[in-house]
Amino acid sequence: MIVAVDVGNTSTKIALCENGTVVDKWRISTCGKRTAAEYFSCISVLASRRSADILAGVRGAAISSVVPVVNRHVEELFERFFNISPVFITNSHADLFGLKICLAQPTIGADRVADLVAAKTLWPTSDLLVIDMGTATVFNLLDRNGGLYGQVVAPGVSCLVHSMRECTALLPQTLVRESEKIVCDSTAASLEAGLYWGYRAMVEGITQQIMRESTRTLRVIATGGGVGLFRNCDYINHIDELLTIKGIVQIYEKTQG
């Protein structure tokens, strides 16, 4: 059993994987003050809902993190409670899969490395546009030879919600959810609709502009916490909420020979 951990700015995804298949998965808030013991307590409670001794089968762990302050706590979690040294995903792991970062600044987040590894493995002969809808929405352009040659970085859903909450005194707190229409007659409903349709319009507009500028036929892949808002979307070819986790597991297996 492998534990794959994806530490994002807003939430942390944890998955138990066996033979490349996700057996169980959970999402918890990302917190820099959470200790190794607290992580273990949380995971133990969540895992016990499936099986009392499921964690006894853990033989390895791999971590993608874009929140450095969390790393030492997660590392201690596995070293202290599982007696294993976790693999932290880095840009060097891209080389193991023949991926090349052809950007002016050749360093990207560990989650993006995992996304691209999984996407390239699943669609090895395609030119890809891989969209990760996390705290930030990142558009990755990956050619069929494994070169990451372009990118767009835009706000994610949680950034939009946070900015509305922080920058307005009287608007109510809200979540982003699907809305059938954009014009509403209440403040709460119109705020939800504005966030939902505004985010969809942003993603669609950026995707269409990328398509116009590109000389390649791009297969569009979407992952991340915001993909649930795009179930009925004709310009996204594939939605895979587990893309990052799949990439983390593939990198772990590659490093183990």
C-alpha atoms as a PDB file:
ATOM      1  CA  MET A   1       0.000   0.000   0.000  1.00  0.00           C
ATOM      2  CA  ILE A   2       1.315   3.437  -1.019  1.00  0.00           C
ATOM      3  CA  VAL A   3       0.216   6.722   0.551  1.00  0.00           C
ATOM      4  CA  ALA A   4       0.130   9.592  -1.936  1.00  0.00           C
ATOM      5  CA  VAL A   5      -0.093  13.078  -0.443  1.00  0.00           C
ATOM      6  CA  ASP A   6      -0.809  16.245  -2.422  1.00  0.00           C
ATOM      7  CA  VAL A   7      -0.285  19.301  -0.207  1.00  0.00           C
ATOM      8  CA  GLY A   8      -1.936  22.330  -1.789  1.00  0.00           C
ATOM      9  CA  ASN A   9      -2.298  25.884  -0.560  1.00  0.00           C
ATOM     10  CA  THR A  10      -5.939  25.367   0.444  1.00  0.00           C
ATOM     11  CA  SER A  11      -6.353  21.642   1.004  1.00  0.00           C
ATOM     12  CA  THR A  12      -4.315  18.459   1.328  1.00  0.00           C
ATOM     13  CA  LYS A  13      -5.374  15.346  -0.555  1.00  0.00           C
ATOM     14  CA  ILE A  14      -4.369  11.953   0.861  1.00  0.00           C
ATOM     15  CA  ALA A  15      -4.884   8.692  -1.016  1.00  0.00           C
ATOM     16  CA  LEU A  16      -4.218   5.037  -0.238  1.00  0.00           C
ATOM     17  CA  CYS A  17      -3.145   3.250  -3.411  1.00  0.00           C
ATOM     18  CA  GLU A  18      -2.588  -0.428  -4.176  1.00  0.00           C
ATOM     19  CA  ASN A  19      -1.196  -1.616  -7.519  1.00  0.00           C
ATOM     20  CA  GLY A  20      -1.857   1.781  -9.064  1.00  0.00           C
ATOM     21  CA  THR A  21      -5.493   1.876  -7.929  1.00  0.00           C
ATOM     22  CA  VAL A  22      -6.852   4.365  -5.387  1.00  0.00           C
ATOM     23  CA  VAL A  23      -8.354   2.347  -2.548  1.00  0.00           C
ATOM     24  CA  ASP A  24      -9.498   5.329  -0.483  1.00  0.00           C
ATOM     25  CA  LYS A  25      -8.943   9.077  -0.467  1.00  0.00           C
ATOM     26  CA  TRP A  26      -9.592  12.068   1.773  1.00  0.00           C
ATOM     27  CA  ARG A  27      -9.294  15.839   1.668  1.00  0.00           C
ATOM     28  CA  ILE A  28      -8.325  17.876   4.734  1.00  0.00           C
ATOM     29  CA  SER A  29      -7.467  21.548   5.156  1.00  0.00           C
ATOM     30  CA  THR A  30      -3.826  22.531   4.769  1.00  0.00           C
ATOM     31  CA  CYS A  31      -2.476  23.841   8.070  1.00  0.00           C
ATOM     32  CA  GLY A  32       1.145  24.721   8.756  1.00  0.00           C
ATOM     33  CA  LYS A  33       0.684  24.216  12.508  1.00  0.00           C
ATOM     34  CA  ARG A  34      -0.674  20.645  12.308  1.00  0.00           C
ATOM     35  CA  THR A  35       1.837  18.275  13.936  1.00  0.00           C
ATOM     36  CA  ALA A  36       2.872  14.806  12.789  1.00  0.00           C
ATOM     37  CA  ALA A  37       0.837  13.266  15.628  1.00  0.00           C
ATOM     38  CA  GLU A  38      -2.232  15.245  14.568  1.00  0.00           C
ATOM     39  CA  TYR A  39      -1.790  14.104  10.972  1.00  0.00           C
ATOM     40  CA  PHE A  40      -1.538  10.504  12.123  1.00  0.00           C
ATOM     41  CA  SER A  41      -4.602  10.813  14.338  1.00  0.00           C
ATOM     42  CA  CYS A  42      -6.589  12.312  11.480  1.00  0.00           C
ATOM     43  CA  ILE A  43      -5.516   9.677   8.949  1.00  0.00           C
ATOM     44  CA  SER A  44      -6.134   6.843  11.418  1.00  0.00           C
ATOM     45  CA  VAL A  45      -9.708   7.949  12.059  1.00  0.00           C
ATOM     46  CA  LEU A  46     -10.448   8.354   8.361  1.00  0.00           C
ATOM     47  CA  ALA A  47      -8.836   5.032   7.409  1.00  0.00           C
ATOM     48  CA  SER A  48     -10.610   3.125  10.181  1.00  0.00           C
ATOM     49  CA  ARG A  49     -13.930   3.757   8.450  1.00  0.00           C
ATOM     50  CA  ARG A  50     -12.792   1.323   5.756  1.00  0.00           C
ATOM     51  CA  SER A  51     -10.727  -1.126   7.824  1.00  0.00           C
ATOM     52  CA  ALA A  52      -9.297  -1.103  11.340  1.00  0.00           C
ATOM     53  CA  ASP A  53      -5.861  -2.291  10.199  1.00  0.00           C
ATOM     54  CA  ILE A  54      -5.612  -0.912   6.655  1.00  0.00           C
ATOM     55  CA  LEU A  55      -2.672   1.346   7.551  1.00  0.00           C
ATOM     56  CA  ALA A  56      -0.635  -1.677   8.630  1.00  0.00           C
ATOM     57  CA  GLY A  57      -0.098  -2.438   4.935  1.00  0.00           C
ATOM     58  CA  VAL A  58       1.575   0.894   4.135  1.00  0.00           C
ATOM     59  CA  ARG A  59       5.024   0.265   2.617  1.00  0.00           C
ATOM     60  CA  GLY A  60       5.811   3.602   1.043  1.00  0.00           C
ATOM     61  CA  ALA A  61       4.785   7.229   0.653  1.00  0.00           C
ATOM     62  CA  ALA A  62       5.248  10.032  -1.845  1.00  0.00           C
ATOM     63  CA  ILE A  63       4.486  13.696  -1.331  1.00  0.00           C
ATOM     64  CA  SER A  64       3.804  16.579  -3.671  1.00  0.00           C
ATOM     65  CA  SER A  65       3.886  19.840  -1.738  1.00  0.00           C
ATOM     66  CA  VAL A  66       3.716  23.519  -2.630  1.00  0.00           C
ATOM     67  CA  VAL A  67       3.616  24.566   1.042  1.00  0.00           C
ATOM     68  CA  PRO A  68       7.169  24.218   2.433  1.00  0.00           C
ATOM     69  CA  VAL A  69       6.186  24.898   6.062  1.00  0.00           C
ATOM     70  CA  VAL A  70       4.116  21.683   6.063  1.00  0.00           C
ATOM     71  CA  ASN A  71       6.863  19.427   4.716  1.00  0.00           C
ATOM     72  CA  ARG A  72       8.710  18.659   7.942  1.00  0.00           C
ATOM     73  CA  HIS A  73       5.476  17.666   9.707  1.00  0.00           C
ATOM     74  CA  VAL A  74       4.392  15.325   6.908  1.00  0.00           C
ATOM     75  CA  GLU A  75       7.893  13.842   6.685  1.00  0.00           C
ATOM     76  CA  GLU A  76       7.867  13.215  10.449  1.00  0.00           C
ATOM     77  CA  LEU A  77       4.439  11.590  10.115  1.00  0.00           C
ATOM     78  CA  PHE A  78       5.830   8.828   7.917  1.00  0.00           C
ATOM     79  CA  GLU A  79       9.212   8.471   9.609  1.00  0.00           C
ATOM     80  CA  ARG A  80       7.802   8.352  13.141  1.00  0.00           C
ATOM     81  CA  PHE A  81       4.544   6.455  12.705  1.00  0.00           C
ATOM     82  CA  PHE A  82       5.218   4.277   9.633  1.00  0.00           C
ATOM     83  CA  ASN A  83       9.009   3.913   9.836  1.00  0.00           C
ATOM     84  CA  ILE A  84       9.452   4.894   6.180  1.00  0.00           C
ATOM     85  CA  SER A  85      11.182   7.774   4.414  1.00  0.00           C
ATOM     86  CA  PRO A  86       8.746   9.458   2.027  1.00  0.00           C
ATOM     87  CA  VAL A  87       9.692  10.545  -1.476  1.00  0.00           C
ATOM     88  CA  PHE A  88       9.210  14.283  -2.049  1.00  0.00           C
ATOM     89  CA  ILE A  89       8.372  15.118  -5.663  1.00  0.00           C
ATOM     90  CA  THR A  90      10.848  17.545  -7.266  1.00  0.00           C
ATOM     91  CA  ASN A  91      11.503  18.887 -10.748  1.00  0.00           C
ATOM     92  CA  SER A  92      14.246  16.281 -11.202  1.00  0.00           C
ATOM     93  CA  HIS A  93      11.589  13.556 -11.300  1.00  0.00           C
ATOM     94  CA  ALA A  94      10.337  14.959 -14.610  1.00  0.00           C
ATOM     95  CA  ASP A  95      13.575  13.718 -16.190  1.00  0.00           C
ATOM     96  CA  LEU A  96      12.702  10.114 -15.274  1.00  0.00           C
ATOM     97  CA  PHE A  97       9.733  10.310 -17.651  1.00  0.00           C
ATOM     98  CA  GLY A  98      11.442  12.201 -20.451  1.00  0.00           C
ATOM     99  CA  LEU A  99       9.742  15.498 -19.622  1.00  0.00           C
ATOM    100  CA  LYS A 100      11.570  18.770 -20.264  1.00  0.00           C
ATOM    101  CA  ILE A 101      10.679  22.106 -18.679  1.00  0.00           C
ATOM    102  CA  CYS A 102      11.271  24.550 -21.545  1.00  0.00           C
ATOM    103  CA  LEU A 103      10.276  27.727 -19.719  1.00  0.00           C
ATOM    104  CA  ALA A 104      12.220  30.911 -19.001  1.00  0.00           C
ATOM    105  CA  GLN A 105      12.181  29.906 -15.329  1.00  0.00           C
ATOM    106  CA  PRO A 106      12.704  26.117 -15.451  1.00  0.00           C
ATOM    107  CA  THR A 107      11.187  25.366 -12.048  1.00  0.00           C
ATOM    108  CA  ILE A 108       7.540  24.426 -11.480  1.00  0.00           C
ATOM    109  CA  GLY A 109       5.497  23.224  -8.537  1.00  0.00           C
ATOM    110  CA  ALA A 110       5.645  19.571  -7.508  1.00  0.00           C
ATOM    111  CA  ASP A 111       1.925  19.184  -8.191  1.00  0.00           C
ATOM    112  CA  ARG A 112       2.458  20.307 -11.777  1.00  0.00           C
ATOM    113  CA  VAL A 113       5.259  17.765 -12.202  1.00  0.00           C
ATOM    114  CA  ALA A 114       2.865  15.025 -11.017  1.00  0.00           C
ATOM    115  CA  ASP A 115       0.079  16.285 -13.310  1.00  0.00           C
ATOM    116  CA  LEU A 116       2.333  16.249 -16.359  1.00  0.00           C
ATOM    117  CA  VAL A 117       3.791  12.816 -15.585  1.00  0.00           C
ATOM    118  CA  ALA A 118       0.302  11.317 -15.329  1.00  0.00           C
ATOM    119  CA  ALA A 119      -1.023  13.151 -18.383  1.00  0.00           C
ATOM    120  CA  LYS A 120       1.957  12.170 -20.541  1.00  0.00           C
ATOM    121  CA  THR A 121       1.595   8.547 -19.424  1.00  0.00           C
ATOM    122  CA  LEU A 122      -2.129   8.487 -20.238  1.00  0.00           C
ATOM    123  CA  TRP A 123      -1.906  10.367 -23.572  1.00  0.00           C
ATOM    124  CA  PRO A 124       1.667   9.757 -24.810  1.00  0.00           C
ATOM    125  CA  THR A 125       1.098  10.760 -28.452  1.00  0.00           C
ATOM    126  CA  SER A 126      -0.966  13.917 -27.920  1.00  0.00           C
ATOM    127  CA  ASP A 127      -0.166  17.601 -27.597  1.00  0.00           C
ATOM    128  CA  LEU A 128      -1.778  18.490 -24.282  1.00  0.00           C
ATOM    129  CA  LEU A 129      -3.298  21.415 -22.442  1.00  0.00           C
ATOM    130  CA  VAL A 130      -3.388  20.305 -18.809  1.00  0.00           C
ATOM    131  CA  ILE A 131      -5.468  22.584 -16.567  1.00  0.00           C
ATOM    132  CA  ASP A 132      -5.091  22.246 -12.794  1.00  0.00           C
ATOM    133  CA  MET A 133      -7.947  24.086 -11.049  1.00  0.00           C
ATOM    134  CA  GLY A 134      -6.543  24.513  -7.564  1.00  0.00           C
ATOM    135  CA  THR A 135      -6.013  27.602  -5.422  1.00  0.00           C
ATOM    136  CA  ALA A 136      -4.471  28.972  -8.601  1.00  0.00           C
ATOM    137  CA  THR A 137      -5.668  27.810 -12.008  1.00  0.00           C
ATOM    138  CA  VAL A 138      -2.639  26.727 -14.031  1.00  0.00           C
ATOM    139  CA  PHE A 139      -2.737  25.999 -17.757  1.00  0.00           C
ATOM    140  CA  ASN A 140       0.195  23.781 -18.846  1.00  0.00           C
ATOM    141  CA  LEU A 141       1.102  23.327 -22.514  1.00  0.00           C
ATOM    142  CA  LEU A 142       2.898  20.011 -23.032  1.00  0.00           C
ATOM    143  CA  ASP A 143       3.939  18.870 -26.497  1.00  0.00           C
ATOM    144  CA  ARG A 144       3.881  15.247 -27.623  1.00  0.00           C
ATOM    145  CA  ASN A 145       7.650  15.019 -27.118  1.00  0.00           C
ATOM    146  CA  GLY A 146       7.311  15.823 -23.436  1.00  0.00           C
ATOM    147  CA  GLY A 147       8.297  19.493 -23.535  1.00  0.00           C
ATOM    148  CA  LEU A 148       6.492  21.965 -21.277  1.00  0.00           C
ATOM    149  CA  TYR A 149       6.730  25.016 -23.508  1.00  0.00           C
ATOM    150  CA  GLY A 150       4.070  27.399 -22.190  1.00  0.00           C
ATOM    151  CA  GLN A 151       1.881  28.268 -19.239  1.00  0.00           C
ATOM    152  CA  VAL A 152      -0.845  30.567 -17.973  1.00  0.00           C
ATOM    153  CA  VAL A 153      -1.453  31.199 -14.265  1.00  0.00           C
ATOM    154  CA  ALA A 154      -4.790  32.664 -13.143  1.00  0.00           C
ATOM    155  CA  PRO A 155      -6.849  32.799  -9.926  1.00  0.00           C
ATOM    156  CA  GLY A 156      -8.570  29.676  -8.688  1.00  0.00           C
ATOM    157  CA  VAL A 157     -12.046  29.364  -7.202  1.00  0.00           C
ATOM    158  CA  SER A 158     -10.868  29.708  -3.606  1.00  0.00           C
ATOM    159  CA  CYS A 159      -8.901  32.869  -4.511  1.00  0.00           C
ATOM    160  CA  LEU A 160     -12.022  34.439  -5.983  1.00  0.00           C
ATOM    161  CA  VAL A 161     -14.144  33.536  -2.969  1.00  0.00           C
ATOM    162  CA  HIS A 162     -11.452  34.771  -0.571  1.00  0.00           C
ATOM    163  CA  SER A 163     -11.058  38.101  -2.341  1.00  0.00           C
ATOM    164  CA  MET A 164     -14.819  38.726  -2.284  1.00  0.00           C
ATOM    165  CA  ARG A 165     -14.916  37.914   1.424  1.00  0.00           C
ATOM    166  CA  GLU A 166     -11.892  40.041   2.313  1.00  0.00           C
ATOM    167  CA  CYS A 167     -12.591  43.046   0.110  1.00  0.00           C
ATOM    168  CA  THR A 168     -16.287  43.573   0.830  1.00  0.00           C
ATOM    169  CA  ALA A 169     -17.845  44.391   4.197  1.00  0.00           C
ATOM    170  CA  LEU A 170     -21.501  43.576   3.626  1.00  0.00           C
ATOM    171  CA  LEU A 171     -21.642  40.766   1.062  1.00  0.00           C
ATOM    172  CA  PRO A 172     -22.506  37.355   2.590  1.00  0.00           C
ATOM    173  CA  GLN A 173     -20.073  34.467   2.682  1.00  0.00           C
ATOM    174  CA  THR A 174     -20.827  31.918  -0.006  1.00  0.00           C
ATOM    175  CA  LEU A 175     -19.641  28.801  -1.755  1.00  0.00           C
ATOM    176  CA  VAL A 176     -19.221  28.384  -5.499  1.00  0.00           C
ATOM    177  CA  ARG A 177     -21.732  25.956  -6.922  1.00  0.00           C
ATOM    178  CA  GLU A 178     -23.369  25.305 -10.276  1.00  0.00           C
ATOM    179  CA  SER A 179     -25.989  27.850 -11.220  1.00  0.00           C
ATOM    180  CA  GLU A 180     -28.408  27.363 -14.099  1.00  0.00           C
ATOM    181  CA  LYS A 181     -28.809  31.091 -14.728  1.00  0.00           C
ATOM    182  CA  ILE A 182     -26.648  34.121 -14.167  1.00  0.00           C
ATOM    183  CA  VAL A 183     -29.336  36.741 -13.405  1.00  0.00           C
ATOM    184  CA  CYS A 184     -30.780  36.317  -9.906  1.00  0.00           C
ATOM    185  CA  ASP A 185     -33.031  38.342  -7.606  1.00  0.00           C
ATOM    186  CA  SER A 186     -31.236  37.889  -4.265  1.00  0.00           C
ATOM    187  CA  THR A 187     -27.786  39.009  -3.122  1.00  0.00           C
ATOM    188  CA  ALA A 188     -26.620  35.525  -2.075  1.00  0.00           C
ATOM    189  CA  ALA A 189     -27.837  33.846  -5.264  1.00  0.00           C
ATOM    190  CA  SER A 190     -26.390  36.558  -7.509  1.00  0.00           C
ATOM    191  CA  LEU A 191     -23.031  36.294  -5.724  1.00  0.00           C
ATOM    192  CA  GLU A 192     -22.977  32.516  -6.226  1.00  0.00           C
ATOM    193  CA  ALA A 193     -23.955  32.916  -9.878  1.00  0.00           C
ATOM    194  CA  GLY A 194     -21.375  35.638 -10.455  1.00  0.00           C
ATOM    195  CA  LEU A 195     -18.559  33.549  -8.986  1.00  0.00           C
ATOM    196  CA  TYR A 196     -19.630  30.410 -10.859  1.00  0.00           C
ATOM    197  CA  TRP A 197     -20.179  31.967 -14.278  1.00  0.00           C
ATOM    198  CA  GLY A 198     -17.244  34.331 -13.837  1.00  0.00           C
ATOM    199  CA  TYR A 199     -14.861  31.447 -13.165  1.00  0.00           C
ATOM    200  CA  ARG A 200     -16.276  29.382 -16.025  1.00  0.00           C
ATOM    201  CA  ALA A 201     -15.968  32.343 -18.389  1.00  0.00           C
ATOM    202  CA  MET A 202     -12.362  32.909 -17.323  1.00  0.00           C
ATOM    203  CA  VAL A 203     -11.351  29.280 -17.908  1.00  0.00           C
ATOM    204  CA  GLU A 204     -13.220  29.078 -21.210  1.00  0.00           C
ATOM    205  CA  GLY A 205     -11.816  32.414 -22.412  1.00  0.00           C
ATOM    206  CA  ILE A 206      -8.221  31.507 -21.591  1.00  0.00           C
ATOM    207  CA  THR A 207      -8.614  28.057 -23.161  1.00  0.00           C
ATOM    208  CA  GLN A 208     -10.055  29.511 -26.354  1.00  0.00           C
ATOM    209  CA  GLN A 209      -7.273  32.110 -26.573  1.00  0.00           C
ATOM    210  CA  ILE A 210      -4.656  29.376 -26.103  1.00  0.00           C
ATOM    211  CA  MET A 211      -6.303  27.406 -28.921  1.00  0.00           C
ATOM    212  CA  ARG A 212      -6.212  30.472 -31.185  1.00  0.00           C
ATOM    213  CA  GLU A 213      -2.535  31.096 -30.489  1.00  0.00           C
ATOM    214  CA  SER A 214      -1.496  27.443 -30.754  1.00  0.00           C
ATOM    215  CA  THR A 215      -0.310  25.819 -33.969  1.00  0.00           C
ATOM    216  CA  ARG A 216      -1.052  22.397 -32.472  1.00  0.00           C
ATOM    217  CA  THR A 217      -4.266  20.434 -31.984  1.00  0.00           C
ATOM    218  CA  LEU A 218      -4.511  20.258 -28.210  1.00  0.00           C
ATOM    219  CA  ARG A 219      -6.197  17.609 -26.095  1.00  0.00           C
ATOM    220  CA  VAL A 220      -7.572  19.418 -23.037  1.00  0.00           C
ATOM    221  CA  ILE A 221      -7.265  17.670 -19.656  1.00  0.00           C
ATOM    222  CA  ALA A 222      -8.634  19.145 -16.423  1.00  0.00           C
ATOM    223  CA  THR A 223      -7.962  18.241 -12.804  1.00  0.00           C
ATOM    224  CA  GLY A 224      -8.051  19.897  -9.380  1.00  0.00           C
ATOM    225  CA  GLY A 225     -10.687  20.894  -6.880  1.00  0.00           C
ATOM    226  CA  GLY A 226     -12.556  23.150  -9.303  1.00  0.00           C
ATOM    227  CA  VAL A 227     -13.280  20.554 -11.989  1.00  0.00           C
ATOM    228  CA  GLY A 228     -16.654  19.714 -10.472  1.00  0.00           C
ATOM    229  CA  LEU A 229     -17.911  22.977 -11.961  1.00  0.00           C
ATOM    230  CA  PHE A 230     -17.093  21.794 -15.484  1.00  0.00           C
ATOM    231  CA  ARG A 231     -19.003  18.517 -15.813  1.00  0.00           C
ATOM    232  CA  ASN A 232     -20.991  19.769 -18.800  1.00  0.00           C
ATOM    233  CA  CYS A 233     -18.254  21.407 -20.822  1.00  0.00           C
ATOM    234  CA  ASP A 234     -17.622  20.601 -24.472  1.00  0.00           C
ATOM    235  CA  TYR A 235     -14.128  22.127 -24.782  1.00  0.00           C
ATOM    236  CA  ILE A 236     -12.574  19.910 -22.069  1.00  0.00           C
ATOM    237  CA  ASN A 237     -11.811  16.442 -23.451  1.00  0.00           C
ATOM    238  CA  HIS A 238     -11.099  14.655 -20.174  1.00  0.00           C
ATOM    239  CA  ILE A 239     -11.743  15.410 -16.494  1.00  0.00           C
ATOM    240  CA  ASP A 240      -9.633  13.410 -14.036  1.00  0.00           C
ATOM    241  CA  GLU A 241      -9.836  14.471 -10.391  1.00  0.00           C
ATOM    242  CA  LEU A 242      -7.133  11.927  -9.515  1.00  0.00           C
ATOM    243  CA  LEU A 243      -4.569  13.036 -12.105  1.00  0.00           C
ATOM    244  CA  THR A 244      -2.160  14.497  -9.531  1.00  0.00           C
ATOM    245  CA  ILE A 245      -2.442  11.452  -7.269  1.00  0.00           C
ATOM    246  CA  LYS A 246      -1.803   9.149 -10.238  1.00  0.00           C
ATOM    247  CA  GLY A 247       1.331  11.093 -11.110  1.00  0.00           C
ATOM    248  CA  ILE A 248       2.583  10.980  -7.516  1.00  0.00           C
ATOM    249  CA  VAL A 249       2.172   7.200  -7.436  1.00  0.00           C
ATOM    250  CA  GLN A 250       3.855   6.764 -10.833  1.00  0.00           C
ATOM    251  CA  ILE A 251       6.835   8.822  -9.683  1.00  0.00           C
ATOM    252  CA  TYR A 252       7.115   6.813  -6.478  1.00  0.00           C
ATOM    253  CA  GLU A 253       7.065   3.508  -8.346  1.00  0.00           C
ATOM    254  CA  LYS A 254       9.702   4.788 -10.806  1.00  0.00           C
ATOM    255  CA  THR A 255      12.041   5.827  -7.993  1.00  0.00           C
ATOM    256  CA  GLN A 256      11.765   2.367  -6.447  1.00  0.00           C
ATOM    257  CA  GLY A 257      13.035   0.721  -9.614  1.00  0.00           C
END
